């Protein structure tokens, strides 16, 4: 009887440890959102989102202020509609601009918000059209090579 009680407690301890490791790995991979803060959704329209993915972070001045909920193609404007959940504790002016940025040279992409100067703030359901698309590395390399070859022929 003594041995089965120890086996139970050891098994319980191992189970709790495994669940803690699973929780930490999901949290580190940004696959688990345990935020219970109120949010409001806005839609940002981009010409090119590059490698932006749902659940990407949204930052302003380096501080996480929200996350990307979903991305869909708008067949009316032929742009990508990025639905963003912003924490309710952060109010941004209505004329704020949204940019797709990259962490480091080849890191993950995220959305950066540059606050505007309007007196009115963004609210639930607003559409932001003042956006700057992602910089695609392949396009930059292609432009550089094209310019170099044009200079060589002159």
N, C-alpha and C. Protein backbone atom coordinates (compact mmCIF):
# COMPACT_ATOMS: atom_id res chain seq x y z
N UNK A 1 0.81 -1.19 0.00
CA UNK A 1 0.00 0.00 0.00
C UNK A 1 0.86 1.26 0.00
N UNK A 2 1.97 1.22 0.70
CA UNK A 2 2.88 2.36 0.77
C UNK A 2 3.45 2.66 -0.62
N UNK A 3 3.79 1.61 -1.36
CA UNK A 3 4.41 1.79 -2.68
C UNK A 3 3.43 2.41 -3.68
N UNK A 4 2.18 2.01 -3.69
CA UNK A 4 1.21 2.55 -4.65
C UNK A 4 0.92 4.02 -4.37
N UNK A 5 0.98 4.46 -3.14
CA UNK A 5 0.79 5.87 -2.83
C UNK A 5 1.94 6.70 -3.38
N UNK A 6 3.18 6.18 -3.26
CA UNK A 6 4.33 6.89 -3.83
C UNK A 6 4.25 6.92 -5.35
N UNK A 7 3.84 5.82 -5.94
CA UNK A 7 3.70 5.77 -7.40
C UNK A 7 2.67 6.78 -7.89
N UNK A 8 1.60 6.92 -7.15
CA UNK A 8 0.57 7.89 -7.52
C UNK A 8 1.13 9.31 -7.51
N UNK A 9 1.83 9.68 -6.43
CA UNK A 9 2.36 11.04 -6.32
C UNK A 9 3.45 11.31 -7.35
N UNK A 10 4.29 10.33 -7.62
CA UNK A 10 5.32 10.49 -8.65
C UNK A 10 4.66 10.66 -10.03
N UNK A 11 3.66 9.85 -10.30
CA UNK A 11 2.94 9.96 -11.58
C UNK A 11 2.25 11.30 -11.73
N UNK A 12 1.65 11.79 -10.64
CA UNK A 12 0.99 13.09 -10.67
C UNK A 12 2.01 14.20 -10.91
N UNK A 13 3.16 14.13 -10.26
CA UNK A 13 4.22 15.12 -10.44
C UNK A 13 4.73 15.13 -11.88
N UNK A 14 4.92 13.95 -12.46
CA UNK A 14 5.38 13.85 -13.86
C UNK A 14 4.32 14.43 -14.80
N UNK A 15 3.05 14.14 -14.55
CA UNK A 15 1.97 14.67 -15.38
C UNK A 15 1.92 16.20 -15.32
N UNK A 16 2.04 16.76 -14.14
CA UNK A 16 2.04 18.22 -14.00
C UNK A 16 3.24 18.82 -14.71
N UNK A 17 4.40 18.19 -14.61
CA UNK A 17 5.60 18.66 -15.31
C UNK A 17 5.43 18.63 -16.82
N UNK A 18 4.83 17.57 -17.34
CA UNK A 18 4.61 17.46 -18.78
C UNK A 18 3.62 18.53 -19.26
N UNK A 19 2.56 18.77 -18.49
CA UNK A 19 1.61 19.82 -18.85
C UNK A 19 2.25 21.20 -18.82
N UNK A 20 3.13 21.43 -17.84
CA UNK A 20 3.83 22.71 -17.76
C UNK A 20 4.74 22.91 -18.97
N UNK A 21 5.45 21.85 -19.38
CA UNK A 21 6.30 21.95 -20.57
C UNK A 21 5.48 22.20 -21.83
N UNK A 22 4.34 21.55 -21.96
CA UNK A 22 3.46 21.78 -23.10
C UNK A 22 2.96 23.22 -23.12
N UNK A 23 2.55 23.72 -21.98
CA UNK A 23 2.08 25.11 -21.87
C UNK A 23 3.18 26.08 -22.26
N UNK A 24 4.39 25.89 -21.75
CA UNK A 24 5.50 26.79 -22.06
C UNK A 24 5.88 26.75 -23.53
N UNK A 25 5.87 25.56 -24.13
CA UNK A 25 6.22 25.47 -25.55
C UNK A 25 5.17 26.13 -26.43
N UNK A 26 3.88 25.99 -26.11
CA UNK A 26 2.84 26.66 -26.87
C UNK A 26 2.90 28.18 -26.69
N UNK A 27 3.22 28.61 -25.50
CA UNK A 27 3.34 30.04 -25.22
C UNK A 27 4.54 30.63 -25.96
N UNK A 28 5.67 29.91 -25.99
CA UNK A 28 6.87 30.39 -26.67
C UNK A 28 6.68 30.44 -28.17
N UNK A 29 5.89 29.53 -28.73
CA UNK A 29 5.64 29.50 -30.17
C UNK A 29 4.50 30.43 -30.57
N UNK A 30 3.95 31.18 -29.62
CA UNK A 30 2.86 32.12 -29.85
C UNK A 30 1.62 31.41 -30.41
N UNK A 31 1.40 30.18 -29.99
CA UNK A 31 0.23 29.42 -30.43
C UNK A 31 -0.86 29.40 -29.37
N UNK A 32 -0.58 29.95 -28.23
CA UNK A 32 -1.55 29.95 -27.14
C UNK A 32 -1.68 31.38 -26.63
N UNK A 33 -2.87 31.91 -26.70
CA UNK A 33 -3.09 33.27 -26.25
C UNK A 33 -3.89 33.23 -24.96
N UNK A 34 -3.24 33.55 -23.87
CA UNK A 34 -3.89 33.51 -22.57
C UNK A 34 -4.23 34.91 -22.07
N UNK A 35 -4.39 35.84 -22.97
CA UNK A 35 -4.72 37.21 -22.59
C UNK A 35 -6.22 37.33 -22.39
N UNK A 36 -6.60 37.88 -21.26
CA UNK A 36 -8.02 38.06 -20.97
C UNK A 36 -8.39 39.54 -21.00
N UNK A 37 -7.53 40.35 -21.64
CA UNK A 37 -7.81 41.77 -21.76
C UNK A 37 -8.85 42.01 -22.84
N UNK A 38 -9.61 43.08 -22.67
CA UNK A 38 -10.58 43.44 -23.70
C UNK A 38 -9.83 43.98 -24.90
N UNK A 39 -10.36 43.69 -26.08
CA UNK A 39 -9.73 44.14 -27.32
C UNK A 39 -10.78 44.78 -28.23
N UNK A 40 -10.30 45.49 -29.22
CA UNK A 40 -11.15 45.99 -30.30
C UNK A 40 -10.47 45.68 -31.62
N UNK A 41 -11.27 45.39 -32.64
CA UNK A 41 -10.72 44.98 -33.93
C UNK A 41 -10.77 46.11 -34.94
N UNK A 42 -9.68 46.24 -35.68
CA UNK A 42 -9.60 47.14 -36.82
C UNK A 42 -9.09 46.35 -38.01
N UNK A 43 -9.37 46.83 -39.19
CA UNK A 43 -8.90 46.20 -40.42
C UNK A 43 -7.93 47.12 -41.11
N UNK A 44 -6.77 46.58 -41.46
CA UNK A 44 -5.76 47.35 -42.20
C UNK A 44 -5.64 46.75 -43.59
N UNK A 45 -5.63 47.60 -44.61
CA UNK A 45 -5.55 47.13 -46.00
C UNK A 45 -4.13 47.35 -46.52
N UNK A 46 -3.51 46.25 -46.96
CA UNK A 46 -2.14 46.28 -47.48
C UNK A 46 -2.13 45.80 -48.93
N UNK A 47 -1.22 46.37 -49.74
CA UNK A 47 -1.03 45.90 -51.11
C UNK A 47 -0.28 44.57 -51.13
N UNK A 48 0.67 44.40 -50.20
CA UNK A 48 1.48 43.18 -50.15
C UNK A 48 1.84 42.90 -48.69
N UNK A 49 1.45 41.74 -48.18
CA UNK A 49 1.72 41.43 -46.78
C UNK A 49 2.98 40.59 -46.61
N UNK A 50 3.63 40.20 -47.70
CA UNK A 50 4.85 39.40 -47.59
C UNK A 50 4.57 38.09 -46.88
N UNK A 51 5.32 37.81 -45.82
CA UNK A 51 5.17 36.58 -45.06
C UNK A 51 4.43 36.75 -43.75
N UNK A 52 3.64 37.81 -43.63
CA UNK A 52 2.88 38.05 -42.40
C UNK A 52 1.89 36.91 -42.18
N UNK A 53 1.78 36.47 -40.94
CA UNK A 53 0.92 35.34 -40.61
C UNK A 53 -0.05 35.72 -39.49
N UNK A 54 -1.18 35.02 -39.43
CA UNK A 54 -2.06 35.23 -38.28
C UNK A 54 -1.31 34.96 -36.97
N UNK A 55 -1.69 35.65 -35.94
CA UNK A 55 -1.08 35.60 -34.61
C UNK A 55 0.24 36.36 -34.52
N UNK A 56 0.62 37.07 -35.60
CA UNK A 56 1.82 37.91 -35.54
C UNK A 56 1.55 39.06 -34.59
N UNK A 57 2.59 39.55 -33.96
CA UNK A 57 2.41 40.63 -32.99
C UNK A 57 2.22 41.97 -33.68
N UNK A 58 1.57 42.87 -32.98
CA UNK A 58 1.40 44.25 -33.40
C UNK A 58 2.09 45.09 -32.33
N UNK A 59 3.02 45.96 -32.77
CA UNK A 59 3.81 46.74 -31.82
C UNK A 59 3.74 48.22 -32.16
N UNK A 60 3.88 49.01 -31.12
CA UNK A 60 4.03 50.45 -31.26
C UNK A 60 5.13 50.86 -30.29
N UNK A 61 6.15 51.52 -30.80
CA UNK A 61 7.32 51.92 -30.00
C UNK A 61 7.97 50.71 -29.33
N UNK A 62 7.89 49.55 -29.98
CA UNK A 62 8.51 48.34 -29.47
C UNK A 62 7.68 47.59 -28.44
N UNK A 63 6.53 48.11 -28.08
CA UNK A 63 5.67 47.49 -27.07
C UNK A 63 4.55 46.73 -27.78
N UNK A 64 4.29 45.51 -27.32
CA UNK A 64 3.21 44.70 -27.91
C UNK A 64 1.87 45.31 -27.52
N UNK A 65 1.07 45.67 -28.55
CA UNK A 65 -0.22 46.30 -28.31
C UNK A 65 -1.38 45.49 -28.88
N UNK A 66 -1.06 44.37 -29.52
CA UNK A 66 -2.12 43.55 -30.09
C UNK A 66 -1.55 42.42 -30.92
N UNK A 67 -2.43 41.79 -31.72
CA UNK A 67 -1.99 40.71 -32.58
C UNK A 67 -2.88 40.63 -33.82
N UNK A 68 -2.36 39.98 -34.85
CA UNK A 68 -3.10 39.77 -36.09
C UNK A 68 -4.06 38.61 -35.87
N UNK A 69 -5.33 38.84 -36.10
CA UNK A 69 -6.33 37.78 -35.95
C UNK A 69 -6.42 36.92 -37.20
N UNK A 70 -6.62 37.57 -38.34
CA UNK A 70 -6.77 36.82 -39.58
C UNK A 70 -6.37 37.70 -40.76
N UNK A 71 -6.17 37.02 -41.89
CA UNK A 71 -5.80 37.71 -43.13
C UNK A 71 -6.69 37.14 -44.22
N UNK A 72 -7.27 38.03 -45.02
CA UNK A 72 -8.09 37.56 -46.13
C UNK A 72 -7.91 38.50 -47.33
N UNK A 73 -8.20 37.97 -48.50
CA UNK A 73 -8.08 38.75 -49.72
C UNK A 73 -9.39 39.46 -50.00
N UNK A 74 -9.30 40.75 -50.26
CA UNK A 74 -10.48 41.55 -50.59
C UNK A 74 -10.58 41.63 -52.11
N UNK A 75 -11.58 40.96 -52.69
CA UNK A 75 -11.68 40.91 -54.14
C UNK A 75 -12.31 42.17 -54.74
N UNK A 76 -12.68 43.12 -53.92
CA UNK A 76 -13.17 44.40 -54.41
C UNK A 76 -12.02 45.38 -54.61
N UNK A 77 -11.13 45.46 -53.61
CA UNK A 77 -9.99 46.38 -53.69
C UNK A 77 -8.72 45.70 -54.17
N UNK A 78 -8.74 44.37 -54.26
CA UNK A 78 -7.58 43.57 -54.65
C UNK A 78 -6.40 43.82 -53.70
N UNK A 79 -6.71 43.91 -52.45
CA UNK A 79 -5.72 44.08 -51.39
C UNK A 79 -5.94 43.01 -50.33
N UNK A 80 -4.97 42.92 -49.43
CA UNK A 80 -5.10 42.00 -48.30
C UNK A 80 -5.70 42.75 -47.12
N UNK A 81 -6.79 42.23 -46.59
CA UNK A 81 -7.39 42.79 -45.38
C UNK A 81 -6.83 42.04 -44.18
N UNK A 82 -6.14 42.75 -43.32
CA UNK A 82 -5.55 42.16 -42.12
C UNK A 82 -6.39 42.61 -40.93
N UNK A 83 -7.05 41.66 -40.29
CA UNK A 83 -7.88 41.97 -39.13
C UNK A 83 -7.00 41.90 -37.89
N UNK A 84 -6.95 43.00 -37.16
CA UNK A 84 -6.05 43.17 -36.03
C UNK A 84 -6.85 43.39 -34.76
N UNK A 85 -6.49 42.68 -33.70
CA UNK A 85 -7.07 42.91 -32.38
C UNK A 85 -6.09 43.74 -31.57
N UNK A 86 -6.52 44.93 -31.18
CA UNK A 86 -5.70 45.82 -30.36
C UNK A 86 -6.22 45.79 -28.93
N UNK A 87 -5.31 45.78 -27.97
CA UNK A 87 -5.72 45.81 -26.57
C UNK A 87 -6.47 47.10 -26.29
N UNK A 88 -7.58 47.00 -25.56
CA UNK A 88 -8.43 48.15 -25.29
C UNK A 88 -7.72 49.24 -24.50
N UNK A 89 -6.65 48.89 -23.80
CA UNK A 89 -5.91 49.87 -23.02
C UNK A 89 -5.09 50.82 -23.87
N UNK A 90 -4.97 50.54 -25.17
CA UNK A 90 -4.19 51.38 -26.07
C UNK A 90 -5.11 52.03 -27.08
N UNK A 91 -5.14 53.36 -27.08
CA UNK A 91 -5.97 54.10 -28.03
C UNK A 91 -5.04 54.80 -29.01
N UNK A 92 -5.27 54.56 -30.29
CA UNK A 92 -4.44 55.16 -31.34
C UNK A 92 -5.28 56.13 -32.15
N UNK A 93 -4.68 57.26 -32.56
CA UNK A 93 -5.42 58.21 -33.39
C UNK A 93 -5.88 57.58 -34.70
N UNK A 94 -6.97 58.09 -35.22
CA UNK A 94 -7.58 57.53 -36.42
C UNK A 94 -6.66 57.61 -37.64
N UNK A 95 -5.74 58.58 -37.66
CA UNK A 95 -4.84 58.73 -38.81
C UNK A 95 -3.49 58.05 -38.59
N UNK A 96 -3.44 57.06 -37.72
CA UNK A 96 -2.20 56.31 -37.50
C UNK A 96 -1.87 55.48 -38.74
N UNK A 97 -0.58 55.24 -38.95
CA UNK A 97 -0.18 54.42 -40.10
C UNK A 97 0.33 53.07 -39.61
N UNK A 98 0.05 52.05 -40.39
CA UNK A 98 0.42 50.68 -40.06
C UNK A 98 1.45 50.22 -41.09
N UNK A 99 2.55 49.63 -40.61
CA UNK A 99 3.61 49.13 -41.50
C UNK A 99 3.92 47.69 -41.15
N UNK A 100 4.29 46.92 -42.17
CA UNK A 100 4.75 45.55 -41.93
C UNK A 100 6.26 45.61 -41.85
N UNK A 101 6.79 45.19 -40.71
CA UNK A 101 8.22 45.24 -40.43
C UNK A 101 8.75 43.83 -40.18
N UNK A 102 10.06 43.71 -40.17
CA UNK A 102 10.71 42.42 -39.94
C UNK A 102 11.64 42.53 -38.75
N UNK A 103 11.59 41.53 -37.87
CA UNK A 103 12.52 41.47 -36.74
C UNK A 103 13.86 40.97 -37.26
N UNK A 104 14.85 41.83 -37.29
CA UNK A 104 16.16 41.43 -37.79
C UNK A 104 16.16 41.34 -39.30
N UNK A 105 17.21 40.74 -39.86
CA UNK A 105 17.35 40.65 -41.31
C UNK A 105 16.38 39.65 -41.92
N UNK A 106 16.27 38.47 -41.34
CA UNK A 106 15.39 37.44 -41.87
C UNK A 106 14.42 36.93 -40.82
N UNK A 107 14.09 37.75 -39.85
CA UNK A 107 13.23 37.31 -38.74
C UNK A 107 11.76 37.33 -39.11
N UNK A 108 10.93 37.11 -38.10
CA UNK A 108 9.49 37.07 -38.31
C UNK A 108 8.96 38.47 -38.59
N UNK A 109 7.85 38.54 -39.28
CA UNK A 109 7.26 39.82 -39.61
C UNK A 109 6.19 40.17 -38.59
N UNK A 110 6.04 41.47 -38.37
CA UNK A 110 5.04 41.97 -37.44
C UNK A 110 4.53 43.31 -37.96
N UNK A 111 3.50 43.82 -37.35
CA UNK A 111 2.93 45.10 -37.76
C UNK A 111 3.36 46.16 -36.75
N UNK A 112 3.88 47.26 -37.27
CA UNK A 112 4.26 48.40 -36.45
C UNK A 112 3.27 49.53 -36.66
N UNK A 113 2.89 50.18 -35.59
CA UNK A 113 1.94 51.29 -35.67
C UNK A 113 2.67 52.59 -35.35
N UNK A 114 2.55 53.55 -36.27
CA UNK A 114 3.06 54.90 -36.04
C UNK A 114 1.87 55.79 -35.76
N UNK A 115 1.73 56.28 -34.51
CA UNK A 115 0.56 57.09 -34.17
C UNK A 115 0.49 58.38 -34.97
N UNK A 116 -0.72 58.77 -35.30
CA UNK A 116 -0.95 60.02 -36.01
C UNK A 116 -1.23 61.15 -35.03
N UNK A 117 -1.86 62.20 -35.51
CA UNK A 117 -2.12 63.37 -34.67
C UNK A 117 -3.58 63.72 -34.54
N UNK A 118 -4.47 62.87 -35.01
CA UNK A 118 -5.90 63.16 -34.97
C UNK A 118 -6.43 63.15 -33.54
N UNK A 119 -7.51 63.92 -33.34
CA UNK A 119 -8.16 63.92 -32.03
C UNK A 119 -9.06 62.71 -31.84
N UNK A 120 -9.55 62.15 -32.96
CA UNK A 120 -10.41 60.96 -32.90
C UNK A 120 -9.55 59.71 -32.88
N UNK A 121 -9.97 58.72 -32.08
CA UNK A 121 -9.23 57.47 -31.96
C UNK A 121 -9.86 56.36 -32.78
N UNK A 122 -9.06 55.35 -33.10
CA UNK A 122 -9.58 54.17 -33.78
C UNK A 122 -10.60 53.49 -32.88
N UNK A 123 -11.61 52.92 -33.50
CA UNK A 123 -12.66 52.24 -32.75
C UNK A 123 -12.96 50.89 -33.41
N UNK A 124 -13.76 50.11 -32.76
CA UNK A 124 -14.16 48.79 -33.26
C UNK A 124 -14.67 48.89 -34.69
N UNK A 125 -14.10 48.08 -35.59
CA UNK A 125 -14.58 48.00 -36.96
C UNK A 125 -14.00 49.01 -37.93
N UNK A 126 -13.13 49.90 -37.48
CA UNK A 126 -12.54 50.89 -38.39
C UNK A 126 -11.64 50.22 -39.41
N UNK A 127 -11.52 50.85 -40.58
CA UNK A 127 -10.65 50.37 -41.65
C UNK A 127 -9.52 51.38 -41.83
N UNK A 128 -8.29 50.89 -41.75
CA UNK A 128 -7.11 51.74 -41.90
C UNK A 128 -6.55 51.54 -43.31
N UNK A 129 -6.43 52.63 -44.05
CA UNK A 129 -5.89 52.53 -45.41
C UNK A 129 -4.51 53.17 -45.52
N UNK A 130 -4.08 53.85 -44.48
CA UNK A 130 -2.75 54.46 -44.48
C UNK A 130 -1.74 53.39 -44.03
N UNK A 131 -1.30 52.58 -44.98
CA UNK A 131 -0.45 51.44 -44.67
C UNK A 131 0.78 51.43 -45.56
N UNK A 132 1.79 50.73 -45.11
CA UNK A 132 3.01 50.52 -45.90
C UNK A 132 3.24 49.01 -45.97
N UNK A 133 3.30 48.50 -47.19
CA UNK A 133 3.42 47.06 -47.40
C UNK A 133 4.78 46.54 -46.96
N UNK A 134 4.86 45.22 -46.92
CA UNK A 134 6.10 44.55 -46.54
C UNK A 134 7.16 44.76 -47.60
N UNK A 135 8.40 44.85 -47.15
CA UNK A 135 9.53 44.92 -48.07
C UNK A 135 9.93 43.48 -48.38
N UNK A 136 9.79 43.11 -49.65
CA UNK A 136 10.11 41.75 -50.07
C UNK A 136 11.56 41.72 -50.51
N UNK A 137 12.35 40.88 -49.86
CA UNK A 137 13.79 40.83 -50.10
C UNK A 137 14.11 40.49 -51.55
N UNK A 138 13.34 39.61 -52.15
CA UNK A 138 13.58 39.23 -53.55
C UNK A 138 13.41 40.42 -54.48
N UNK A 139 12.42 41.27 -54.22
CA UNK A 139 12.21 42.45 -55.05
C UNK A 139 13.37 43.43 -54.92
N UNK A 140 13.88 43.60 -53.70
CA UNK A 140 15.02 44.50 -53.50
C UNK A 140 16.25 43.99 -54.24
N UNK A 141 16.50 42.71 -54.17
CA UNK A 141 17.67 42.14 -54.85
C UNK A 141 17.50 42.28 -56.36
N UNK A 142 16.30 42.05 -56.87
CA UNK A 142 16.03 42.20 -58.30
C UNK A 142 16.25 43.63 -58.77
N UNK A 143 15.77 44.61 -57.99
CA UNK A 143 15.98 46.01 -58.35
C UNK A 143 17.45 46.37 -58.33
N UNK A 144 18.17 45.88 -57.34
CA UNK A 144 19.60 46.16 -57.23
C UNK A 144 20.33 45.61 -58.45
N UNK A 145 20.05 44.35 -58.81
CA UNK A 145 20.72 43.74 -59.96
C UNK A 145 20.35 44.44 -61.26
N UNK A 146 19.08 44.85 -61.40
CA UNK A 146 18.65 45.56 -62.60
C UNK A 146 19.38 46.89 -62.72
N UNK A 147 19.49 47.63 -61.62
CA UNK A 147 20.18 48.92 -61.63
C UNK A 147 21.66 48.74 -61.94
N UNK A 148 22.28 47.70 -61.41
CA UNK A 148 23.70 47.45 -61.67
C UNK A 148 23.92 47.12 -63.13
N UNK A 149 23.02 46.33 -63.72
CA UNK A 149 23.20 45.97 -65.13
C UNK A 149 22.94 47.18 -66.02
N UNK A 150 22.00 48.06 -65.62
CA UNK A 150 21.74 49.27 -66.40
C UNK A 150 22.95 50.21 -66.34
N UNK A 151 23.62 50.29 -65.19
CA UNK A 151 24.82 51.12 -65.06
C UNK A 151 25.97 50.55 -65.90
N UNK A 152 26.06 49.25 -65.97
CA UNK A 152 27.15 48.60 -66.72
C UNK A 152 27.01 48.82 -68.22
N UNK A 153 25.77 48.94 -68.70
CA UNK A 153 25.57 49.12 -70.14
C UNK A 153 25.75 50.56 -70.57
N UNK A 154 25.74 51.48 -69.67
CA UNK A 154 25.89 52.90 -70.03
C UNK A 154 27.32 53.30 -70.22
